[in-house]
Amino acid sequence: MTEGDRGSASVVGAFVVLALVVVTAMVVAVGAAVSARHRVQAAADLAALAGAAALVEGDAAGCVAARAVGDRMAAELVECVPDGWDLEVRLRAEVRLGRFGVREVVGVARAGPVE
């Protein structure tokens, strides 16, 4: 080892640790986004089922039931489209990704009787 090489391993080690911290933060942010997307899709599925079951009382009742399920699952009902005995819903929620900002996740589902 020459005199000019002293301490170079510490600098390289610091950069490696910094890179690992950045990659870990990105993995955590992606994981949060994926988890939120699955949660909103589950809420949309349940809202569509509840709304379709309530369609026997009218289109408005179906959308009210879908909105209630979305509210309980912390998702906002964006769209509710009754089509005969079928109901299509679109829910959204925001996910906070720390330094990467706030993003929107959307779930869409359709439910109705089997033909």
PDB file of N, CA and C in Angstrom:
ATOM      1  N   MET A   1       0.845  -1.170   0.000  1.00  0.00           N
ATOM      2  CA  MET A   1       0.000   0.000   0.000  1.00  0.00           C
ATOM      3  C   MET A   1       0.894   1.238   0.000  1.00  0.00           C
ATOM      4  N   THR A   2       0.565   2.159  -0.860  1.00  0.00           N
ATOM      5  CA  THR A   2       1.358   3.385  -0.943  1.00  0.00           C
ATOM      6  C   THR A   2       0.768   4.431  -0.014  1.00  0.00           C
ATOM      7  N   GLU A   3       1.497   5.487   0.169  1.00  0.00           N
ATOM      8  CA  GLU A   3       1.059   6.567   1.040  1.00  0.00           C
ATOM      9  C   GLU A   3      -0.243   7.209   0.539  1.00  0.00           C
ATOM     10  N   GLY A   4      -0.479   7.275  -0.788  1.00  0.00           N
ATOM     11  CA  GLY A   4      -1.673   7.922  -1.343  1.00  0.00           C
ATOM     12  C   GLY A   4      -2.936   7.098  -1.196  1.00  0.00           C
ATOM     13  N   ASP A   5      -2.801   5.803  -0.827  1.00  0.00           N
ATOM     14  CA  ASP A   5      -3.961   4.926  -0.707  1.00  0.00           C
ATOM     15  C   ASP A   5      -4.576   4.936   0.689  1.00  0.00           C
ATOM     16  N   ARG A   6      -3.983   5.550   1.631  1.00  0.00           N
ATOM     17  CA  ARG A   6      -4.492   5.520   2.997  1.00  0.00           C
ATOM     18  C   ARG A   6      -5.849   6.200   3.071  1.00  0.00           C
ATOM     19  N   GLY A   7      -6.832   5.491   3.681  1.00  0.00           N
ATOM     20  CA  GLY A   7      -8.168   6.057   3.874  1.00  0.00           C
ATOM     21  C   GLY A   7      -9.095   5.879   2.695  1.00  0.00           C
ATOM     22  N   SER A   8      -8.598   5.350   1.585  1.00  0.00           N
ATOM     23  CA  SER A   8      -9.469   5.211   0.412  1.00  0.00           C
ATOM     24  C   SER A   8     -10.557   4.173   0.644  1.00  0.00           C
ATOM     25  N   ALA A   9     -10.293   3.167   1.444  1.00  0.00           N
ATOM     26  CA  ALA A   9     -11.305   2.154   1.747  1.00  0.00           C
ATOM     27  C   ALA A   9     -12.454   2.767   2.548  1.00  0.00           C
ATOM     28  N   SER A  10     -12.154   3.721   3.387  1.00  0.00           N
ATOM     29  CA  SER A  10     -13.202   4.396   4.162  1.00  0.00           C
ATOM     30  C   SER A  10     -14.126   5.192   3.248  1.00  0.00           C
ATOM     31  N   VAL A  11     -13.561   5.855   2.272  1.00  0.00           N
ATOM     32  CA  VAL A  11     -14.371   6.636   1.326  1.00  0.00           C
ATOM     33  C   VAL A  11     -15.250   5.707   0.499  1.00  0.00           C
ATOM     34  N   VAL A  12     -14.680   4.629  -0.010  1.00  0.00           N
ATOM     35  CA  VAL A  12     -15.453   3.662  -0.791  1.00  0.00           C
ATOM     36  C   VAL A  12     -16.552   3.048   0.084  1.00  0.00           C
ATOM     37  N   GLY A  13     -16.206   2.712   1.311  1.00  0.00           N
ATOM     38  CA  GLY A  13     -17.195   2.150   2.238  1.00  0.00           C
ATOM     39  C   GLY A  13     -18.336   3.114   2.515  1.00  0.00           C
ATOM     40  N   ALA A  14     -18.026   4.395   2.655  1.00  0.00           N
ATOM     41  CA  ALA A  14     -19.072   5.406   2.888  1.00  0.00           C
ATOM     42  C   ALA A  14     -20.013   5.498   1.691  1.00  0.00           C
ATOM     43  N   PHE A  15     -19.462   5.444   0.488  1.00  0.00           N
ATOM     44  CA  PHE A  15     -20.311   5.488  -0.708  1.00  0.00           C
ATOM     45  C   PHE A  15     -21.175   4.232  -0.829  1.00  0.00           C
ATOM     46  N   VAL A  16     -20.640   3.096  -0.453  1.00  0.00           N
ATOM     47  CA  VAL A  16     -21.419   1.848  -0.491  1.00  0.00           C
ATOM     48  C   VAL A  16     -22.582   1.924   0.501  1.00  0.00           C
ATOM     49  N   VAL A  17     -22.323   2.418   1.691  1.00  0.00           N
ATOM     50  CA  VAL A  17     -23.381   2.562   2.696  1.00  0.00           C
ATOM     51  C   VAL A  17     -24.440   3.548   2.203  1.00  0.00           C
ATOM     52  N   LEU A  18     -24.020   4.654   1.616  1.00  0.00           N
ATOM     53  CA  LEU A  18     -24.964   5.631   1.079  1.00  0.00           C
ATOM     54  C   LEU A  18     -25.825   5.005  -0.016  1.00  0.00           C
ATOM     55  N   ALA A  19     -25.222   4.242  -0.902  1.00  0.00           N
ATOM     56  CA  ALA A  19     -25.983   3.581  -1.970  1.00  0.00           C
ATOM     57  C   ALA A  19     -26.993   2.598  -1.390  1.00  0.00           C
ATOM     58  N   LEU A  20     -26.619   1.856  -0.370  1.00  0.00           N
ATOM     59  CA  LEU A  20     -27.544   0.920   0.269  1.00  0.00           C
ATOM     60  C   LEU A  20     -28.711   1.639   0.927  1.00  0.00           C
ATOM     61  N   VAL A  21     -28.464   2.779   1.542  1.00  0.00           N
ATOM     62  CA  VAL A  21     -29.535   3.557   2.166  1.00  0.00           C
ATOM     63  C   VAL A  21     -30.513   4.066   1.105  1.00  0.00           C
ATOM     64  N   VAL A  22     -30.001   4.561  -0.009  1.00  0.00           N
ATOM     65  CA  VAL A  22     -30.862   5.059  -1.090  1.00  0.00           C
ATOM     66  C   VAL A  22     -31.695   3.929  -1.685  1.00  0.00           C
ATOM     67  N   VAL A  23     -31.083   2.796  -1.951  1.00  0.00           N
ATOM     68  CA  VAL A  23     -31.817   1.653  -2.512  1.00  0.00           C
ATOM     69  C   VAL A  23     -32.879   1.174  -1.527  1.00  0.00           C
ATOM     70  N   THR A  24     -32.553   1.126  -0.243  1.00  0.00           N
ATOM     71  CA  THR A  24     -33.534   0.703   0.764  1.00  0.00           C
ATOM     72  C   THR A  24     -34.716   1.661   0.806  1.00  0.00           C
ATOM     73  N   ALA A  25     -34.464   2.962   0.740  1.00  0.00           N
ATOM     74  CA  ALA A  25     -35.555   3.944   0.738  1.00  0.00           C
ATOM     75  C   ALA A  25     -36.450   3.767  -0.483  1.00  0.00           C
ATOM     76  N   MET A  26     -35.855   3.486  -1.627  1.00  0.00           N
ATOM     77  CA  MET A  26     -36.654   3.284  -2.844  1.00  0.00           C
ATOM     78  C   MET A  26     -37.491   2.007  -2.744  1.00  0.00           C
ATOM     79  N   VAL A  27     -36.925   0.957  -2.203  1.00  0.00           N
ATOM     80  CA  VAL A  27     -37.671  -0.300  -2.046  1.00  0.00           C
ATOM     81  C   VAL A  27     -38.840  -0.113  -1.085  1.00  0.00           C
ATOM     82  N   VAL A  28     -38.630   0.621  -0.005  1.00  0.00           N
ATOM     83  CA  VAL A  28     -39.709   0.884   0.945  1.00  0.00           C
ATOM     84  C   VAL A  28     -40.812   1.706   0.280  1.00  0.00           C
ATOM     85  N   ALA A  29     -40.460   2.708  -0.515  1.00  0.00           N
ATOM     86  CA  ALA A  29     -41.462   3.529  -1.199  1.00  0.00           C
ATOM     87  C   ALA A  29     -42.262   2.706  -2.202  1.00  0.00           C
ATOM     88  N   VAL A  30     -41.595   1.871  -2.971  1.00  0.00           N
ATOM     89  CA  VAL A  30     -42.297   1.012  -3.935  1.00  0.00           C
ATOM     90  C   VAL A  30     -43.202   0.030  -3.200  1.00  0.00           C
ATOM     91  N   GLY A  31     -42.732  -0.513  -2.107  1.00  0.00           N
ATOM     92  CA  GLY A  31     -43.553  -1.425  -1.309  1.00  0.00           C
ATOM     93  C   GLY A  31     -44.801  -0.748  -0.773  1.00  0.00           C
ATOM     94  N   ALA A  32     -44.666   0.495  -0.323  1.00  0.00           N
ATOM     95  CA  ALA A  32     -45.825   1.245   0.175  1.00  0.00           C
ATOM     96  C   ALA A  32     -46.830   1.488  -0.946  1.00  0.00           C
ATOM     97  N   ALA A  33     -46.340   1.819  -2.139  1.00  0.00           N
ATOM     98  CA  ALA A  33     -47.233   2.065  -3.270  1.00  0.00           C
ATOM     99  C   ALA A  33     -47.961   0.792  -3.688  1.00  0.00           C
ATOM    100  N   VAL A  34     -47.257  -0.311  -3.734  1.00  0.00           N
ATOM    101  CA  VAL A  34     -47.876  -1.588  -4.118  1.00  0.00           C
ATOM    102  C   VAL A  34     -48.908  -2.001  -3.075  1.00  0.00           C
ATOM    103  N   SER A  35     -48.575  -1.854  -1.813  1.00  0.00           N
ATOM    104  CA  SER A  35     -49.509  -2.197  -0.743  1.00  0.00           C
ATOM    105  C   SER A  35     -50.771  -1.340  -0.814  1.00  0.00           C
ATOM    106  N   ALA A  36     -50.610  -0.049  -1.053  1.00  0.00           N
ATOM    107  CA  ALA A  36     -51.770   0.843  -1.172  1.00  0.00           C
ATOM    108  C   ALA A  36     -52.612   0.480  -2.378  1.00  0.00           C
ATOM    109  N   ARG A  37     -51.985   0.110  -3.463  1.00  0.00           N
ATOM    110  CA  ARG A  37     -52.731  -0.286  -4.667  1.00  0.00           C
ATOM    111  C   ARG A  37     -53.559  -1.530  -4.400  1.00  0.00           C
ATOM    112  N   HIS A  38     -52.999  -2.505  -3.716  1.00  0.00           N
ATOM    113  CA  HIS A  38     -53.748  -3.719  -3.388  1.00  0.00           C
ATOM    114  C   HIS A  38     -54.901  -3.417  -2.430  1.00  0.00           C
ATOM    115  N   ARG A  39     -54.667  -2.519  -1.476  1.00  0.00           N
ATOM    116  CA  ARG A  39     -55.719  -2.141  -0.527  1.00  0.00           C
ATOM    117  C   ARG A  39     -56.883  -1.465  -1.234  1.00  0.00           C
ATOM    118  N   VAL A  40     -56.576  -0.559  -2.163  1.00  0.00           N
ATOM    119  CA  VAL A  40     -57.633   0.138  -2.888  1.00  0.00           C
ATOM    120  C   VAL A  40     -58.361  -0.816  -3.830  1.00  0.00           C
ATOM    121  N   GLN A  41     -57.656  -1.754  -4.440  1.00  0.00           N
ATOM    122  CA  GLN A  41     -58.329  -2.724  -5.307  1.00  0.00           C
ATOM    123  C   GLN A  41     -59.262  -3.614  -4.493  1.00  0.00           C
ATOM    124  N   ALA A  42     -58.840  -4.023  -3.301  1.00  0.00           N
ATOM    125  CA  ALA A  42     -59.710  -4.813  -2.427  1.00  0.00           C
ATOM    126  C   ALA A  42     -60.942  -4.000  -2.029  1.00  0.00           C
ATOM    127  N   ALA A  43     -60.742  -2.721  -1.736  1.00  0.00           N
ATOM    128  CA  ALA A  43     -61.878  -1.855  -1.397  1.00  0.00           C
ATOM    129  C   ALA A  43     -62.836  -1.730  -2.578  1.00  0.00           C
ATOM    130  N   ALA A  44     -62.308  -1.621  -3.791  1.00  0.00           N
ATOM    131  CA  ALA A  44     -63.162  -1.525  -4.983  1.00  0.00           C
ATOM    132  C   ALA A  44     -63.941  -2.820  -5.188  1.00  0.00           C
ATOM    133  N   ASP A  45     -63.291  -3.955  -4.989  1.00  0.00           N
ATOM    134  CA  ASP A  45     -63.981  -5.237  -5.124  1.00  0.00           C
ATOM    135  C   ASP A  45     -65.141  -5.341  -4.139  1.00  0.00           C
ATOM    136  N   LEU A  46     -64.872  -5.012  -2.879  1.00  0.00           N
ATOM    137  CA  LEU A  46     -65.916  -5.096  -1.861  1.00  0.00           C
ATOM    138  C   LEU A  46     -67.025  -4.070  -2.101  1.00  0.00           C
ATOM    139  N   ALA A  47     -66.650  -2.866  -2.525  1.00  0.00           N
ATOM    140  CA  ALA A  47     -67.649  -1.831  -2.796  1.00  0.00           C
ATOM    141  C   ALA A  47     -68.552  -2.236  -3.953  1.00  0.00           C
ATOM    142  N   ALA A  48     -67.980  -2.833  -4.986  1.00  0.00           N
ATOM    143  CA  ALA A  48     -68.788  -3.281  -6.125  1.00  0.00           C
ATOM    144  C   ALA A  48     -69.749  -4.381  -5.704  1.00  0.00           C
ATOM    145  N   LEU A  49     -69.277  -5.311  -4.895  1.00  0.00           N
ATOM    146  CA  LEU A  49     -70.151  -6.382  -4.418  1.00  0.00           C
ATOM    147  C   LEU A  49     -71.279  -5.839  -3.551  1.00  0.00           C
ATOM    148  N   ALA A  50     -70.946  -4.965  -2.620  1.00  0.00           N
ATOM    149  CA  ALA A  50     -71.969  -4.386  -1.748  1.00  0.00           C
ATOM    150  C   ALA A  50     -72.957  -3.550  -2.550  1.00  0.00           C
ATOM    151  N   GLY A  51     -72.454  -2.774  -3.488  1.00  0.00           N
ATOM    152  CA  GLY A  51     -73.328  -1.950  -4.307  1.00  0.00           C
ATOM    153  C   GLY A  51     -74.228  -2.774  -5.203  1.00  0.00           C
ATOM    154  N   ALA A  52     -73.692  -3.833  -5.785  1.00  0.00           N
ATOM    155  CA  ALA A  52     -74.502  -4.695  -6.649  1.00  0.00           C
ATOM    156  C   ALA A  52     -75.604  -5.378  -5.849  1.00  0.00           C
ATOM    157  N   ALA A  53     -75.302  -5.775  -4.618  1.00  0.00           N
ATOM    158  CA  ALA A  53     -76.313  -6.403  -3.768  1.00  0.00           C
ATOM    159  C   ALA A  53     -77.415  -5.411  -3.404  1.00  0.00           C
ATOM    160  N   ALA A  54     -77.074  -4.132  -3.304  1.00  0.00           N
ATOM    161  CA  ALA A  54     -78.054  -3.115  -2.930  1.00  0.00           C
ATOM    162  C   ALA A  54     -78.835  -2.580  -4.129  1.00  0.00           C
ATOM    163  N   LEU A  55     -78.499  -2.996  -5.335  1.00  0.00           N
ATOM    164  CA  LEU A  55     -79.205  -2.505  -6.525  1.00  0.00           C
ATOM    165  C   LEU A  55     -80.676  -2.899  -6.554  1.00  0.00           C
ATOM    166  N   VAL A  56     -81.076  -3.886  -5.766  1.00  0.00           N
ATOM    167  CA  VAL A  56     -82.489  -4.259  -5.720  1.00  0.00           C
ATOM    168  C   VAL A  56     -83.338  -3.116  -5.186  1.00  0.00           C
ATOM    169  N   GLU A  57     -82.711  -2.193  -4.455  1.00  0.00           N
ATOM    170  CA  GLU A  57     -83.409  -1.030  -3.906  1.00  0.00           C
ATOM    171  C   GLU A  57     -83.287   0.192  -4.816  1.00  0.00           C
ATOM    172  N   GLY A  58     -82.598   0.066  -5.942  1.00  0.00           N
ATOM    173  CA  GLY A  58     -82.435   1.167  -6.885  1.00  0.00           C
ATOM    174  C   GLY A  58     -80.979   1.512  -7.111  1.00  0.00           C
ATOM    175  N   ASP A  59     -80.749   2.253  -8.205  1.00  0.00           N
ATOM    176  CA  ASP A  59     -79.374   2.631  -8.559  1.00  0.00           C
ATOM    177  C   ASP A  59     -78.717   3.479  -7.480  1.00  0.00           C
ATOM    178  N   ALA A  60     -79.474   4.426  -6.914  1.00  0.00           N
ATOM    179  CA  ALA A  60     -78.905   5.310  -5.893  1.00  0.00           C
ATOM    180  C   ALA A  60     -78.480   4.512  -4.666  1.00  0.00           C
ATOM    181  N   ALA A  61     -79.276   3.524  -4.278  1.00  0.00           N
ATOM    182  CA  ALA A  61     -78.939   2.707  -3.108  1.00  0.00           C
ATOM    183  C   ALA A  61     -77.657   1.914  -3.352  1.00  0.00           C
ATOM    184  N   GLY A  62     -77.471   1.441  -4.587  1.00  0.00           N
ATOM    185  CA  GLY A  62     -76.251   0.717  -4.913  1.00  0.00           C
ATOM    186  C   GLY A  62     -75.024   1.589  -4.761  1.00  0.00           C
ATOM    187  N   CYS A  63     -75.111   2.816  -5.237  1.00  0.00           N
ATOM    188  CA  CYS A  63     -73.964   3.727  -5.133  1.00  0.00           C
ATOM    189  C   CYS A  63     -73.727   4.168  -3.690  1.00  0.00           C
ATOM    190  N   VAL A  64     -74.799   4.323  -2.916  1.00  0.00           N
ATOM    191  CA  VAL A  64     -74.646   4.677  -1.500  1.00  0.00           C
ATOM    192  C   VAL A  64     -73.930   3.557  -0.760  1.00  0.00           C
ATOM    193  N   ALA A  65     -74.297   2.322  -1.034  1.00  0.00           N
ATOM    194  CA  ALA A  65     -73.644   1.176  -0.386  1.00  0.00           C
ATOM    195  C   ALA A  65     -72.177   1.096  -0.793  1.00  0.00           C
ATOM    196  N   ALA A  66     -71.898   1.327  -2.067  1.00  0.00           N
ATOM    197  CA  ALA A  66     -70.508   1.294  -2.534  1.00  0.00           C
ATOM    198  C   ALA A  66     -69.694   2.402  -1.876  1.00  0.00           C
ATOM    199  N   ARG A  67     -70.264   3.594  -1.750  1.00  0.00           N
ATOM    200  CA  ARG A  67     -69.557   4.712  -1.114  1.00  0.00           C
ATOM    201  C   ARG A  67     -69.278   4.405   0.356  1.00  0.00           C
ATOM    202  N   ALA A  68     -70.240   3.780   1.042  1.00  0.00           N
ATOM    203  CA  ALA A  68     -70.056   3.460   2.458  1.00  0.00           C
ATOM    204  C   ALA A  68     -68.887   2.491   2.651  1.00  0.00           C
ATOM    205  N   VAL A  69     -68.796   1.493   1.790  1.00  0.00           N
ATOM    206  CA  VAL A  69     -67.677   0.540   1.894  1.00  0.00           C
ATOM    207  C   VAL A  69     -66.358   1.253   1.605  1.00  0.00           C
ATOM    208  N   GLY A  70     -66.339   2.085   0.585  1.00  0.00           N
ATOM    209  CA  GLY A  70     -65.118   2.831   0.268  1.00  0.00           C
ATOM    210  C   GLY A  70     -64.681   3.728   1.411  1.00  0.00           C
ATOM    211  N   ASP A  71     -65.640   4.412   2.030  1.00  0.00           N
ATOM    212  CA  ASP A  71     -65.315   5.287   3.163  1.00  0.00           C
ATOM    213  C   ASP A  71     -64.722   4.498   4.321  1.00  0.00           C
ATOM    214  N   ARG A  72     -65.292   3.327   4.602  1.00  0.00           N
ATOM    215  CA  ARG A  72     -64.788   2.514   5.711  1.00  0.00           C
ATOM    216  C   ARG A  72     -63.385   1.988   5.434  1.00  0.00           C
ATOM    217  N   MET A  73     -63.036   1.875   4.153  1.00  0.00           N
ATOM    218  CA  MET A  73     -61.706   1.360   3.801  1.00  0.00           C
ATOM    219  C   MET A  73     -60.752   2.476   3.377  1.00  0.00           C
ATOM    220  N   ALA A  74     -61.091   3.708   3.737  1.00  0.00           N
ATOM    221  CA  ALA A  74     -60.240   4.882   3.487  1.00  0.00           C
ATOM    222  C   ALA A  74     -59.941   5.095   2.010  1.00  0.00           C
ATOM    223  N   ALA A  75     -60.969   4.898   1.183  1.00  0.00           N
ATOM    224  CA  ALA A  75     -60.839   5.143  -0.252  1.00  0.00           C
ATOM    225  C   ALA A  75     -62.027   5.992  -0.702  1.00  0.00           C
ATOM    226  N   GLU A  76     -61.784   6.892  -1.606  1.00  0.00           N
ATOM    227  CA  GLU A  76     -62.824   7.799  -2.090  1.00  0.00           C
ATOM    228  C   GLU A  76     -63.486   7.210  -3.336  1.00  0.00           C
ATOM    229  N   LEU A  77     -64.820   7.195  -3.340  1.00  0.00           N
ATOM    230  CA  LEU A  77     -65.557   6.733  -4.518  1.00  0.00           C
ATOM    231  C   LEU A  77     -65.511   7.826  -5.569  1.00  0.00           C
ATOM    232  N   VAL A  78     -64.901   7.537  -6.702  1.00  0.00           N
ATOM    233  CA  VAL A  78     -64.759   8.506  -7.784  1.00  0.00           C
ATOM    234  C   VAL A  78     -65.891   8.353  -8.790  1.00  0.00           C
ATOM    235  N   GLU A  79     -66.256   7.106  -9.072  1.00  0.00           N
ATOM    236  CA  GLU A  79     -67.255   6.850 -10.097  1.00  0.00           C
ATOM    237  C   GLU A  79     -68.071   5.622  -9.709  1.00  0.00           C
ATOM    238  N   CYS A  80     -69.373   5.700  -9.947  1.00  0.00           N
ATOM    239  CA  CYS A  80     -70.284   4.593  -9.682  1.00  0.00           C
ATOM    240  C   CYS A  80     -71.247   4.533 -10.867  1.00  0.00           C
ATOM    241  N   VAL A  81     -71.171   3.460 -11.637  1.00  0.00           N
ATOM    242  CA  VAL A  81     -71.970   3.354 -12.862  1.00  0.00           C
ATOM    243  C   VAL A  81     -72.833   2.092 -12.809  1.00  0.00           C
ATOM    244  N   PRO A  82     -74.124   2.247 -12.495  1.00  0.00           N
ATOM    245  CA  PRO A  82     -75.031   1.104 -12.566  1.00  0.00           C
ATOM    246  C   PRO A  82     -75.340   0.793 -14.031  1.00  0.00           C
ATOM    247  N   ASP A  83     -75.380  -0.493 -14.344  1.00  0.00           N
ATOM    248  CA  ASP A  83     -75.702  -0.934 -15.705  1.00  0.00           C
ATOM    249  C   ASP A  83     -76.607  -2.158 -15.572  1.00  0.00           C
ATOM    250  N   GLY A  84     -77.896  -1.908 -15.483  1.00  0.00           N
ATOM    251  CA  GLY A  84     -78.828  -2.999 -15.234  1.00  0.00           C
ATOM    252  C   GLY A  84     -78.615  -3.514 -13.822  1.00  0.00           C
ATOM    253  N   TRP A  85     -78.290  -4.797 -13.698  1.00  0.00           N
ATOM    254  CA  TRP A  85     -78.013  -5.394 -12.393  1.00  0.00           C
ATOM    255  C   TRP A  85     -76.527  -5.399 -12.077  1.00  0.00           C
ATOM    256  N   ASP A  86     -75.706  -4.844 -12.950  1.00  0.00           N
ATOM    257  CA  ASP A  86     -74.261  -4.749 -12.715  1.00  0.00           C
ATOM    258  C   ASP A  86     -73.925  -3.372 -12.153  1.00  0.00           C
ATOM    259  N   LEU A  87     -72.823  -3.312 -11.453  1.00  0.00           N
ATOM    260  CA  LEU A  87     -72.354  -2.039 -10.910  1.00  0.00           C
ATOM    261  C   LEU A  87     -70.843  -1.976 -11.088  1.00  0.00           C
ATOM    262  N   GLU A  88     -70.371  -0.887 -11.677  1.00  0.00           N
ATOM    263  CA  GLU A  88     -68.933  -0.658 -11.819  1.00  0.00           C
ATOM    264  C   GLU A  88     -68.552   0.522 -10.944  1.00  0.00           C
ATOM    265  N   VAL A  89     -67.502   0.336 -10.148  1.00  0.00           N
ATOM    266  CA  VAL A  89     -67.039   1.399  -9.261  1.00  0.00           C
ATOM    267  C   VAL A  89     -65.565   1.675  -9.498  1.00  0.00           C
ATOM    268  N   ARG A  90     -65.198   2.915  -9.235  1.00  0.00           N
ATOM    269  CA  ARG A  90     -63.793   3.343  -9.305  1.00  0.00           C
ATOM    270  C   ARG A  90     -63.506   4.077  -8.009  1.00  0.00           C
ATOM    271  N   LEU A  91     -62.506   3.595  -7.277  1.00  0.00           N
ATOM    272  CA  LEU A  91     -62.100   4.211  -6.015  1.00  0.00           C
ATOM    273  C   LEU A  91     -60.669   4.713  -6.136  1.00  0.00           C
ATOM    274  N   ARG A  92     -60.349   5.722  -5.338  1.00  0.00           N
ATOM    275  CA  ARG A  92     -58.995   6.258  -5.325  1.00  0.00           C
ATOM    276  C   ARG A  92     -58.568   6.533  -3.893  1.00  0.00           C
ATOM    277  N   ALA A  93     -57.267   6.543  -3.702  1.00  0.00           N
ATOM    278  CA  ALA A  93     -56.686   6.916  -2.412  1.00  0.00           C
ATOM    279  C   ALA A  93     -55.304   7.498  -2.680  1.00  0.00           C
ATOM    280  N   GLU A  94     -54.828   8.268  -1.738  1.00  0.00           N
ATOM    281  CA  GLU A  94     -53.495   8.847  -1.859  1.00  0.00           C
ATOM    282  C   GLU A  94     -52.533   8.047  -0.990  1.00  0.00           C
ATOM    283  N   VAL A  95     -51.338   7.877  -1.489  1.00  0.00           N
ATOM    284  CA  VAL A  95     -50.294   7.194  -0.727  1.00  0.00           C
ATOM    285  C   VAL A  95     -49.106   8.155  -0.607  1.00  0.00           C
ATOM    286  N   ARG A  96     -48.634   8.333   0.612  1.00  0.00           N
ATOM    287  CA  ARG A  96     -47.492   9.219   0.866  1.00  0.00           C
ATOM    288  C   ARG A  96     -46.212   8.403   0.765  1.00  0.00           C
ATOM    289  N   LEU A  97     -45.312   8.873  -0.073  1.00  0.00           N
ATOM    290  CA  LEU A  97     -44.066   8.147  -0.325  1.00  0.00           C
ATOM    291  C   LEU A  97     -42.858   8.900   0.214  1.00  0.00           C
ATOM    292  N   GLY A  98     -43.047   9.615   1.286  1.00  0.00           N
ATOM    293  CA  GLY A  98     -41.934  10.344   1.905  1.00  0.00           C
ATOM    294  C   GLY A  98     -41.370  11.393   0.973  1.00  0.00           C
ATOM    295  N   ARG A  99     -40.093  11.318   0.708  1.00  0.00           N
ATOM    296  CA  ARG A  99     -39.431  12.298  -0.162  1.00  0.00           C
ATOM    297  C   ARG A  99     -39.869  12.187  -1.618  1.00  0.00           C
ATOM    298  N   PHE A 100     -40.514  11.076  -1.967  1.00  0.00           N
ATOM    299  CA  PHE A 100     -40.951  10.886  -3.347  1.00  0.00           C
ATOM    300  C   PHE A 100     -42.322  11.500  -3.606  1.00  0.00           C
ATOM    301  N   GLY A 101     -42.905  12.143  -2.598  1.00  0.00           N
ATOM    302  CA  GLY A 101     -44.155  12.864  -2.773  1.00  0.00           C
ATOM    303  C   GLY A 101     -45.383  12.029  -2.453  1.00  0.00           C
ATOM    304  N   VAL A 102     -46.527  12.541  -2.913  1.00  0.00           N
ATOM    305  CA  VAL A 102     -47.815  11.885  -2.708  1.00  0.00           C
ATOM    306  C   VAL A 102     -48.322  11.427  -4.066  1.00  0.00           C
ATOM    307  N   ARG A 103     -48.719  10.182  -4.151  1.00  0.00           N
ATOM    308  CA  ARG A 103     -49.231   9.633  -5.416  1.00  0.00           C
ATOM    309  C   ARG A 103     -50.643   9.124  -5.197  1.00  0.00           C
ATOM    310  N   GLU A 104     -51.352   8.974  -6.296  1.00  0.00           N
ATOM    311  CA  GLU A 104     -52.723   8.481  -6.261  1.00  0.00           C
ATOM    312  C   GLU A 104     -52.760   7.046  -6.774  1.00  0.00           C
ATOM    313  N   VAL A 105     -53.498   6.194  -6.066  1.00  0.00           N
ATOM    314  CA  VAL A 105     -53.713   4.822  -6.518  1.00  0.00           C
ATOM    315  C   VAL A 105     -55.202   4.645  -6.775  1.00  0.00           C
ATOM    316  N   VAL A 106     -55.528   3.844  -7.778  1.00  0.00           N
ATOM    317  CA  VAL A 106     -56.912   3.679  -8.223  1.00  0.00           C
ATOM    318  C   VAL A 106     -57.241   2.196  -8.288  1.00  0.00           C
ATOM    319  N   GLY A 107     -58.464   1.868  -7.895  1.00  0.00           N
ATOM    320  CA  GLY A 107     -58.975   0.515  -8.019  1.00  0.00           C
ATOM    321  C   GLY A 107     -60.308   0.542  -8.752  1.00  0.00           C
ATOM    322  N   VAL A 108     -60.499  -0.365  -9.682  1.00  0.00           N
ATOM    323  CA  VAL A 108     -61.735  -0.442 -10.451  1.00  0.00           C
ATOM    324  C   VAL A 108     -62.268  -1.863 -10.343  1.00  0.00           C
ATOM    325  N   ALA A 109     -63.583  -1.980 -10.140  1.00  0.00           N
ATOM    326  CA  ALA A 109     -64.197  -3.313 -10.040  1.00  0.00           C
ATOM    327  C   ALA A 109     -65.620  -3.251 -10.583  1.00  0.00           C
ATOM    328  N   ARG A 110     -66.075  -4.409 -11.025  1.00  0.00           N
ATOM    329  CA  ARG A 110     -67.425  -4.557 -11.547  1.00  0.00           C
ATOM    330  C   ARG A 110     -68.026  -5.806 -10.920  1.00  0.00           C
ATOM    331  N   ALA A 111     -69.294  -5.704 -10.489  1.00  0.00           N
ATOM    332  CA  ALA A 111     -69.962  -6.842  -9.872  1.00  0.00           C
ATOM    333  C   ALA A 111     -71.408  -6.886 -10.342  1.00  0.00           C
ATOM    334  N   GLY A 112     -71.947  -8.067 -10.332  1.00  0.00           N
ATOM    335  CA  GLY A 112     -73.335  -8.273 -10.721  1.00  0.00           C
ATOM    336  C   GLY A 112     -73.641  -9.750 -10.734  1.00  0.00           C
ATOM    337  N   PRO A 113     -74.859 -10.105 -11.084  1.00  0.00           N
ATOM    338  CA  PRO A 113     -75.229 -11.524 -11.087  1.00  0.00           C
ATOM    339  C   PRO A 113     -74.539 -12.283 -12.220  1.00  0.00           C
ATOM    340  N   VAL A 114     -74.369 -13.565 -12.003  1.00  0.00           N
ATOM    341  CA  VAL A 114     -73.786 -14.434 -13.023  1.00  0.00           C
ATOM    342  C   VAL A 114     -74.859 -14.724 -14.066  1.00  0.00           C
ATOM    343  N   GLU A 115     -74.496 -14.599 -15.305  1.00  0.00           N
ATOM    344  CA  GLU A 115     -75.486 -14.825 -16.369  1.00  0.00           C
ATOM    345  C   GLU A 115     -75.438 -16.243 -16.864  1.00  0.00           C
TER     346      GLU A 115
END
